[in-house]
Amino acid sequence: MELNKEIPSLKIGRQGNRKVHILEVIGSAGCGGMETYIQNFVKFLPPHEFSVTCICPNESRFTATLRELGVEEVYITPIEDDPVWRSIQLTVEVARLHQVDVLHSHMPKAHVLAGLAGRLVNKPVVAAVHGMNITSHELGITRAVGSHLLTNCQEAYTQALAMGVPAGHVSLVRNGVDLDLYKPAPSTKLREAIDLAPGVPLVGFVGRLAHEKGPDLFLRAAGYVHHRRPDVHFVMVGDGLIRNKLEELCVQLRLEQHVHFVGWMNTPEVYPALDIVAHTSRSDGTSLVLLEAMACGRPTVGIAVGGVPEIIENDTTGLLAGPGDWEGIGIRVMQLLEKPDSMEKMGAEGRARVSQYFNLETNFGQTADIMKQIAFPNYNGENYSGETTLTKEIDTRGSLKKMKG
């Protein structure tokens, strides 16, 4: 499949100039890549063509931001793996009340809820797959209700096809980054927060402190680097349930004077202060952290899982290590630190790559077109059955053209 192939815009005048109304069913309301994706999606949807209503499991800063972005209504109901009746009932009534055209779910448990409600109100469902794997849970609801899977990396896309999802019911559109927000710009706030002088090498981890994100692998890589370059410092930007265990690991590795935990910070001000961003996730689709870091002109080191090898062009925009290979991460960090000129060049190449392939406005425009085609299946007299205008944009042989760049 050609990378970010343009999908022709669909004229919605045939539908009486009515906006496409999307019901976002969101399985979490915390702080993370999925929530950032949804905020950006809402932000970049053309307001004259789309309106949005959301269902979330709880109130939070995230739900407040959705309202600030112009979401019509945000409803709260439990979203569980096995949906309770009141949640199904609420979703059905919200879909009817707002004359929803398509339900857009995030996380498998939200997919279940959206799938059941979509069937009851006879509306199509699009399920965003934010990770690198199609779970059996995800596959089961997809096959049961005929929802359309929206994947963001080749691994998830081809896995869906291999598991029997019809080609017309799965699309590949990669995540994007706001290049106006994330850009190379001097920032001193992070170094001031940890009382670190300019010029001291600083390697950063950005993300939720959870096992799947691999913060422990980052610390072990930090230990490898520290024993060879004791002048290097490390910072962990983010928070999570295993923070205490990570702090204990720092003590065990004798890194407590060189690793700084700062919690969540404004990330556009974080990346420019880092010399290297190390991404050690055990499982990932199209990593927003990597895209944001590269947009800020930072060289990256990453573990080659999921969509990471599609983002980092090895030896050009950064360096890759094998799954779980924390020592390999440490070795590659050392390689970069020993070649400052190479780091600067990689940073510039990284921003150019993000600009070409992972532009947020362009990629979300493709997602918006997919929503239109699924919401209005009878456009030009065609029925959405997996063999419609959407299928024409997909290589039905399942082959993927090599990504250039």
Protein backbone atom coordinates (compact mmCIF):
# COMPACT_ATOMS: atom_id res chain seq x y z
CA MET A 1 0.00 0.00 0.00
CA GLU A 2 1.39 3.37 -0.98
CA LEU A 3 2.26 5.46 2.05
CA ASN A 4 -0.43 8.03 2.82
CA LYS A 5 -2.05 7.62 -0.59
CA GLU A 6 -4.49 10.41 -1.28
CA ILE A 7 -8.14 9.47 -0.98
CA PRO A 8 -10.47 11.57 -3.16
CA SER A 9 -12.67 13.91 -1.14
CA LEU A 10 -16.32 12.99 -1.02
CA LYS A 11 -18.84 15.70 -1.81
CA ILE A 12 -21.56 15.59 0.80
CA GLY A 13 -23.98 17.80 -1.05
CA ARG A 14 -25.90 14.66 -2.05
CA GLN A 15 -26.81 14.33 1.62
CA GLY A 16 -28.53 17.73 1.75
CA ASN A 17 -25.36 19.56 2.90
CA ARG A 18 -25.75 17.99 6.33
CA LYS A 19 -22.61 17.58 8.42
CA VAL A 20 -21.22 14.14 9.18
CA HIS A 21 -21.91 13.57 12.88
CA ILE A 22 -19.35 11.33 14.58
CA LEU A 23 -19.91 9.71 17.95
CA GLU A 24 -16.52 9.13 19.57
CA VAL A 25 -16.66 6.21 22.05
CA ILE A 26 -13.46 6.48 24.08
CA GLY A 27 -12.27 3.75 26.44
CA SER A 28 -10.02 5.96 28.58
CA ALA A 29 -9.95 9.59 29.67
CA GLY A 30 -6.43 9.87 31.04
CA CYS A 31 -3.18 11.23 29.62
CA GLY A 32 -1.50 9.36 26.80
CA GLY A 33 -1.04 8.88 23.08
CA MET A 34 -4.62 7.79 22.42
CA GLU A 35 -6.05 10.85 24.13
CA THR A 36 -3.63 13.10 22.21
CA TYR A 37 -4.72 11.44 18.97
CA ILE A 38 -8.40 12.14 19.70
CA GLN A 39 -7.75 15.75 20.68
CA ASN A 40 -5.83 16.34 17.45
CA PHE A 41 -8.48 14.56 15.39
CA VAL A 42 -11.22 16.77 16.80
CA LYS A 43 -9.06 19.86 16.36
CA PHE A 44 -8.30 19.24 12.69
CA LEU A 45 -11.75 18.05 11.53
CA PRO A 46 -13.26 20.69 9.20
CA PRO A 47 -16.05 22.21 11.37
CA HIS A 48 -18.23 22.96 8.35
CA GLU A 49 -18.24 19.26 7.41
CA PHE A 50 -18.22 17.44 10.77
CA SER A 51 -19.71 17.63 14.23
CA VAL A 52 -18.59 15.50 17.16
CA THR A 53 -20.17 14.04 20.30
CA CYS A 54 -18.12 11.99 22.78
CA ILE A 55 -18.71 9.24 25.32
CA CYS A 56 -16.02 8.75 27.98
CA PRO A 57 -15.73 6.59 31.13
CA ASN A 58 -15.09 9.52 33.51
CA GLU A 59 -14.56 13.25 33.79
CA SER A 60 -10.97 14.48 33.60
CA ARG A 61 -8.76 17.16 32.16
CA PHE A 62 -9.12 15.28 28.88
CA THR A 63 -12.92 15.70 28.81
CA ALA A 64 -12.52 19.38 29.67
CA THR A 65 -10.16 19.77 26.70
CA LEU A 66 -12.68 18.08 24.40
CA ARG A 67 -15.28 20.68 25.37
CA GLU A 68 -12.76 23.47 24.82
CA LEU A 69 -12.16 22.11 21.32
CA GLY A 70 -15.85 22.49 20.48
CA VAL A 71 -17.24 18.99 21.05
CA GLU A 72 -21.05 19.35 21.19
CA GLU A 73 -21.57 17.11 24.21
CA VAL A 74 -19.44 14.80 26.36
CA TYR A 75 -21.41 11.98 28.03
CA ILE A 76 -20.08 9.84 30.87
CA THR A 77 -20.83 6.15 31.33
CA PRO A 78 -18.90 3.02 32.41
CA ILE A 79 -16.98 1.46 29.51
CA GLU A 80 -16.09 -2.12 30.35
CA ASP A 81 -14.97 -5.24 28.47
CA ASP A 82 -18.45 -6.63 29.12
CA PRO A 83 -20.69 -3.55 28.73
CA VAL A 84 -23.44 -3.01 31.28
CA TRP A 85 -26.95 -2.38 29.97
CA ARG A 86 -27.07 1.26 31.08
CA SER A 87 -23.96 1.99 29.00
CA ILE A 88 -25.47 0.33 25.92
CA GLN A 89 -28.73 2.20 26.49
CA LEU A 90 -26.96 5.55 26.88
CA THR A 91 -24.90 5.03 23.72
CA VAL A 92 -27.97 4.08 21.72
CA GLU A 93 -29.97 7.07 22.92
CA VAL A 94 -27.08 9.49 22.37
CA ALA A 95 -26.70 8.18 18.81
CA ARG A 96 -30.41 8.72 18.17
CA LEU A 97 -30.60 12.08 19.91
CA HIS A 98 -27.71 13.55 17.92
CA GLN A 99 -28.59 11.79 14.65
CA VAL A 100 -25.16 10.21 14.55
CA ASP A 101 -23.86 8.98 11.18
CA VAL A 102 -20.91 6.87 12.33
CA LEU A 103 -19.51 5.60 15.66
CA HIS A 104 -15.74 5.87 16.11
CA SER A 105 -14.28 3.76 18.94
CA HIS A 106 -10.93 3.76 20.73
CA MET A 107 -9.68 0.71 22.70
CA PRO A 108 -11.21 -2.78 22.43
CA LYS A 109 -13.72 -2.30 25.26
CA ALA A 110 -15.02 0.86 23.61
CA HIS A 111 -15.20 -1.07 20.33
CA VAL A 112 -17.51 -3.61 21.96
CA LEU A 113 -19.83 -0.88 23.22
CA ALA A 114 -19.81 1.00 19.92
CA GLY A 115 -20.34 -2.22 17.97
CA LEU A 116 -23.40 -3.25 19.96
CA ALA A 117 -24.91 0.23 19.87
CA GLY A 118 -24.13 0.62 16.17
CA ARG A 119 -26.03 -2.55 15.38
CA LEU A 120 -29.02 -1.44 17.46
CA VAL A 121 -29.29 1.92 15.67
CA ASN A 122 -28.15 0.57 12.30
CA LYS A 123 -25.13 2.86 12.00
CA PRO A 124 -21.59 1.93 10.85
CA VAL A 125 -18.69 1.61 13.29
CA VAL A 126 -15.04 2.53 12.77
CA ALA A 127 -12.60 1.13 15.36
CA ALA A 128 -9.24 2.88 15.70
CA VAL A 129 -6.45 0.39 16.52
CA HIS A 130 -3.85 2.43 18.40
CA GLY A 131 -1.38 -0.39 19.04
CA MET A 132 0.57 -2.79 16.88
CA ASN A 133 -1.64 -5.86 17.42
CA ILE A 134 -5.19 -6.88 16.59
CA THR A 135 -6.43 -8.61 19.73
CA SER A 136 -8.84 -11.56 19.67
CA HIS A 137 -11.28 -9.26 21.45
CA GLU A 138 -10.97 -6.70 18.63
CA LEU A 139 -11.26 -9.35 15.94
CA GLY A 140 -14.34 -10.90 17.55
CA ILE A 141 -16.36 -7.71 17.62
CA THR A 142 -15.17 -6.74 14.13
CA ARG A 143 -16.36 -10.03 12.66
CA ALA A 144 -19.60 -9.92 14.65
CA VAL A 145 -20.77 -6.43 13.67
CA GLY A 146 -18.80 -5.71 10.48
CA SER A 147 -16.97 -2.67 11.82
CA HIS A 148 -14.16 -1.04 9.89
CA LEU A 149 -10.65 -1.17 11.41
CA LEU A 150 -8.48 1.91 11.15
CA THR A 151 -4.84 0.89 11.76
CA ASN A 152 -1.80 3.16 12.06
CA CYS A 153 1.09 0.82 11.22
CA GLN A 154 1.84 -1.91 8.68
CA GLU A 155 2.07 -4.63 11.31
CA ALA A 156 -1.49 -4.11 12.54
CA TYR A 157 -2.81 -3.67 8.99
CA THR A 158 -1.31 -6.89 7.62
CA GLN A 159 -2.23 -8.77 10.79
CA ALA A 160 -5.88 -7.78 10.33
CA LEU A 161 -5.80 -9.11 6.77
CA ALA A 162 -4.08 -12.33 7.88
CA MET A 163 -6.76 -12.85 10.54
CA GLY A 164 -9.48 -12.73 7.90
CA VAL A 165 -10.73 -9.15 8.06
CA PRO A 166 -11.87 -8.28 4.51
CA ALA A 167 -9.59 -5.82 2.73
CA GLY A 168 -12.46 -3.38 2.35
CA HIS A 169 -12.94 -3.30 6.12
CA VAL A 170 -9.43 -2.23 7.15
CA SER A 171 -7.43 0.90 6.33
CA LEU A 172 -3.90 2.06 7.07
CA VAL A 173 -3.49 5.73 7.95
CA ARG A 174 -0.50 6.63 10.09
CA ASN A 175 -0.58 9.08 12.97
CA GLY A 176 0.67 12.58 12.43
CA VAL A 177 2.20 15.45 14.40
CA ASP A 178 1.42 19.17 14.48
CA LEU A 179 4.54 20.67 12.89
CA ASP A 180 3.63 24.17 14.06
CA LEU A 181 3.48 23.05 17.68
CA TYR A 182 6.44 20.66 17.64
CA LYS A 183 9.45 22.34 16.10
CA PRO A 184 13.14 23.01 16.85
CA ALA A 185 13.13 25.89 19.32
CA PRO A 186 15.40 26.61 22.29
CA SER A 187 13.82 25.82 25.66
CA THR A 188 15.36 25.96 29.12
CA LYS A 189 12.39 24.95 31.29
CA LEU A 190 13.24 21.25 31.54
CA ARG A 191 16.89 21.82 32.45
CA GLU A 192 15.87 24.49 34.95
CA ALA A 193 13.39 22.05 36.51
CA ILE A 194 16.13 19.49 37.17
CA ASP A 195 18.87 22.09 37.82
CA LEU A 196 21.03 20.87 34.96
CA ALA A 197 23.51 23.21 33.31
CA PRO A 198 23.52 23.80 29.55
CA GLY A 199 25.95 21.53 27.74
CA VAL A 200 25.52 18.54 30.09
CA PRO A 201 24.40 15.59 27.92
CA LEU A 202 20.73 14.75 28.58
CA VAL A 203 18.91 11.64 27.34
CA GLY A 204 15.14 11.51 27.76
CA PHE A 205 12.23 9.09 28.06
CA VAL A 206 8.76 10.52 27.44
CA GLY A 207 5.60 8.53 28.12
CA ARG A 208 3.36 6.79 30.59
CA LEU A 209 5.24 4.88 33.28
CA ALA A 210 3.73 1.48 32.54
CA HIS A 211 5.29 -1.90 31.75
CA GLU A 212 4.33 -1.90 28.07
CA LYS A 213 6.09 1.44 27.57
CA GLY A 214 9.39 -0.05 28.77
CA PRO A 215 10.59 2.59 31.27
CA ASP A 216 12.53 -0.12 33.09
CA LEU A 217 14.39 -0.88 29.86
CA PHE A 218 15.26 2.81 29.60
CA LEU A 219 16.73 2.75 33.12
CA ARG A 220 18.82 -0.34 32.40
CA ALA A 221 20.10 1.32 29.22
CA ALA A 222 20.86 4.40 31.32
CA GLY A 223 22.90 2.20 33.66
CA TYR A 224 24.91 0.90 30.69
CA VAL A 225 25.65 4.44 29.51
CA HIS A 226 26.38 5.79 33.00
CA HIS A 227 29.16 3.29 33.68
CA ARG A 228 30.90 4.48 30.52
CA ARG A 229 29.90 8.14 30.50
CA PRO A 230 29.23 9.29 34.09
CA ASP A 231 28.73 12.85 32.84
CA VAL A 232 25.45 11.96 31.09
CA HIS A 233 22.11 12.64 32.79
CA PHE A 234 18.72 11.07 32.12
CA VAL A 235 15.18 12.35 32.55
CA MET A 236 11.84 10.53 32.67
CA VAL A 237 8.95 12.73 31.58
CA GLY A 238 5.60 11.19 32.48
CA ASP A 239 3.94 9.35 35.32
CA GLY A 240 2.19 6.09 36.07
CA LEU A 241 1.49 3.24 38.42
CA ILE A 242 5.02 1.81 38.45
CA ARG A 243 6.86 5.03 39.25
CA ASN A 244 7.77 3.85 42.76
CA LYS A 245 9.22 0.61 41.39
CA LEU A 246 11.24 2.57 38.86
CA GLU A 247 12.63 4.82 41.55
CA GLU A 248 13.65 1.71 43.50
CA LEU A 249 15.34 0.35 40.37
CA CYS A 250 17.28 3.61 40.09
CA VAL A 251 18.65 3.05 43.58
CA GLN A 252 19.58 -0.56 42.74
CA LEU A 253 21.41 0.63 39.63
CA ARG A 254 23.05 3.50 41.59
CA LEU A 255 21.54 6.06 39.25
CA GLU A 256 19.57 8.19 41.71
CA GLN A 257 21.91 11.17 41.22
CA HIS A 258 21.70 11.01 37.43
CA VAL A 259 18.07 10.08 36.67
CA HIS A 260 15.41 12.76 37.13
CA PHE A 261 11.68 12.05 37.44
CA VAL A 262 9.71 15.19 36.51
CA GLY A 263 6.17 13.92 35.93
CA TRP A 264 4.16 15.32 33.05
CA MET A 265 5.41 18.52 31.42
CA ASN A 266 4.49 20.51 28.33
CA THR A 267 6.16 18.27 25.75
CA PRO A 268 6.83 20.92 23.05
CA GLU A 269 9.14 22.49 25.64
CA VAL A 270 10.65 19.13 26.65
CA TYR A 271 12.06 17.70 23.42
CA PRO A 272 14.25 20.68 22.41
CA ALA A 273 16.05 20.43 25.78
CA LEU A 274 17.06 16.80 25.15
CA ASP A 275 20.12 15.65 23.27
CA ILE A 276 18.63 12.23 22.50
CA VAL A 277 15.17 10.70 22.90
CA ALA A 278 15.23 6.98 23.75
CA HIS A 279 11.99 5.15 23.01
CA THR A 280 11.96 1.76 24.75
CA SER A 281 8.33 0.66 24.38
CA ARG A 282 7.65 -3.07 24.28
CA SER A 283 4.57 -2.54 22.10
CA ASP A 284 3.69 0.39 19.87
CA GLY A 285 1.89 1.41 16.71
CA THR A 286 2.84 4.77 15.25
CA SER A 287 4.51 6.35 18.27
CA LEU A 288 3.54 9.97 18.85
CA VAL A 289 6.58 10.40 21.11
CA LEU A 290 8.94 9.55 18.26
CA LEU A 291 7.07 11.77 15.82
CA GLU A 292 7.06 14.70 18.23
CA ALA A 293 10.76 14.27 19.05
CA MET A 294 11.72 14.09 15.38
CA ALA A 295 9.55 17.13 14.57
CA CYS A 296 11.59 19.00 17.20
CA GLY A 297 14.79 17.99 15.44
CA ARG A 298 15.92 15.45 18.04
CA PRO A 299 17.81 12.26 17.10
CA THR A 300 16.06 9.13 18.35
CA VAL A 301 16.96 5.64 19.49
CA GLY A 302 14.15 3.12 19.50
CA ILE A 303 13.25 -0.53 19.99
CA ALA A 304 12.13 -1.99 16.66
CA VAL A 305 8.59 -3.14 17.47
CA GLY A 306 5.30 -2.43 15.68
CA GLY A 307 5.42 0.79 13.70
CA VAL A 308 8.72 2.05 15.15
CA PRO A 309 10.84 0.82 12.18
CA GLU A 310 8.44 2.68 9.88
CA ILE A 311 9.19 5.94 11.71
CA ILE A 312 12.93 5.77 12.42
CA GLU A 313 15.00 5.45 9.29
CA ASN A 314 17.95 3.56 10.73
CA ASP A 315 21.28 5.40 10.53
CA THR A 316 19.55 8.44 8.99
CA THR A 317 17.05 9.83 11.50
CA GLY A 318 18.06 7.63 14.43
CA LEU A 319 19.15 4.15 15.46
CA LEU A 320 17.23 0.94 16.17
CA ALA A 321 17.74 -1.92 18.62
CA GLY A 322 15.97 -5.27 18.77
CA PRO A 323 12.88 -6.02 20.92
CA GLY A 324 13.73 -5.89 24.62
CA ASP A 325 17.39 -5.13 23.90
CA TRP A 326 18.11 -2.48 26.53
CA GLU A 327 21.85 -3.02 26.16
CA GLY A 328 21.49 -2.32 22.43
CA ILE A 329 19.71 0.93 23.30
CA GLY A 330 22.61 1.87 25.57
CA ILE A 331 25.17 1.05 22.88
CA ARG A 332 23.35 3.19 20.32
CA VAL A 333 23.00 6.11 22.73
CA MET A 334 26.77 5.93 23.22
CA GLN A 335 27.30 5.90 19.44
CA LEU A 336 25.30 9.10 19.08
CA LEU A 337 26.93 10.87 22.03
CA GLU A 338 30.35 10.23 20.51
CA LYS A 339 29.34 11.93 17.22
CA PRO A 340 27.69 15.32 17.96
CA ASP A 341 27.75 16.32 14.27
CA SER A 342 25.89 13.13 13.38
CA MET A 343 23.24 13.90 16.01
CA GLU A 344 22.55 17.33 14.53
CA LYS A 345 22.24 15.90 11.02
CA MET A 346 19.92 13.11 12.22
CA GLY A 347 17.71 15.66 13.92
CA ALA A 348 17.32 17.64 10.70
CA GLU A 349 16.63 14.48 8.69
CA GLY A 350 14.04 13.42 11.27
CA ARG A 351 12.02 16.61 10.95
CA ALA A 352 12.11 16.34 7.16
CA ARG A 353 10.83 12.77 7.33
CA VAL A 354 7.97 13.66 9.68
CA SER A 355 7.03 16.59 7.46
CA GLN A 356 6.85 14.35 4.40
CA TYR A 357 5.11 11.27 5.78
CA PHE A 358 3.53 12.09 9.14
CA ASN A 359 1.92 15.50 8.67
CA LEU A 360 -1.02 15.57 11.05
CA GLU A 361 -3.34 17.70 8.93
CA THR A 362 -2.77 15.59 5.81
CA ASN A 363 -3.19 12.25 7.56
CA PHE A 364 -6.29 13.27 9.50
CA GLY A 365 -7.72 14.53 6.23
CA GLN A 366 -7.51 10.96 4.96
CA THR A 367 -9.27 9.69 8.08
CA ALA A 368 -12.01 12.29 7.59
CA ASP A 369 -12.54 11.08 4.01
CA ILE A 370 -12.83 7.49 5.22
CA MET A 371 -15.45 8.62 7.73
CA LYS A 372 -17.44 10.29 4.97
CA GLN A 373 -17.38 7.23 2.75
CA ILE A 374 -18.49 4.94 5.56
CA ALA A 375 -21.11 7.37 6.91
CA PHE A 376 -22.69 7.85 3.46
CA PRO A 377 -22.50 4.34 1.96
CA ASN A 378 -24.99 5.01 -0.83
CA TYR A 379 -23.00 7.79 -2.40
CA ASN A 380 -23.19 7.37 -6.20
CA GLY A 381 -25.55 4.46 -5.64
CA GLU A 382 -22.96 2.17 -4.05
CA ASN A 383 -23.56 0.13 -0.88
CA TYR A 384 -20.84 -0.18 1.72
CA SER A 385 -20.23 -3.90 1.87
CA GLY A 386 -16.46 -4.05 1.76
CA GLU A 387 -16.44 -3.67 -2.03
CA THR A 388 -17.03 0.06 -2.49
CA THR A 389 -15.06 3.24 -3.10
CA LEU A 390 -12.94 2.46 -0.05
CA THR A 391 -11.83 -0.85 -1.50
CA LYS A 392 -10.60 0.87 -4.63
CA GLU A 393 -8.02 2.70 -2.55
CA ILE A 394 -6.64 -0.53 -1.08
CA ASP A 395 -4.26 -2.97 -2.73
CA THR A 396 -6.49 -6.05 -2.47
CA ARG A 397 -3.50 -8.34 -2.86
CA GLY A 398 -2.44 -7.17 0.59
CA SER A 399 0.99 -6.05 -0.60
CA LEU A 400 2.57 -2.91 0.80
CA LYS A 401 4.82 -0.76 -1.30
CA LYS A 402 8.15 0.02 0.28
CA MET A 403 8.10 3.31 2.09
CA LYS A 404 10.34 5.83 0.45
CA GLY A 405 12.42 8.33 2.34
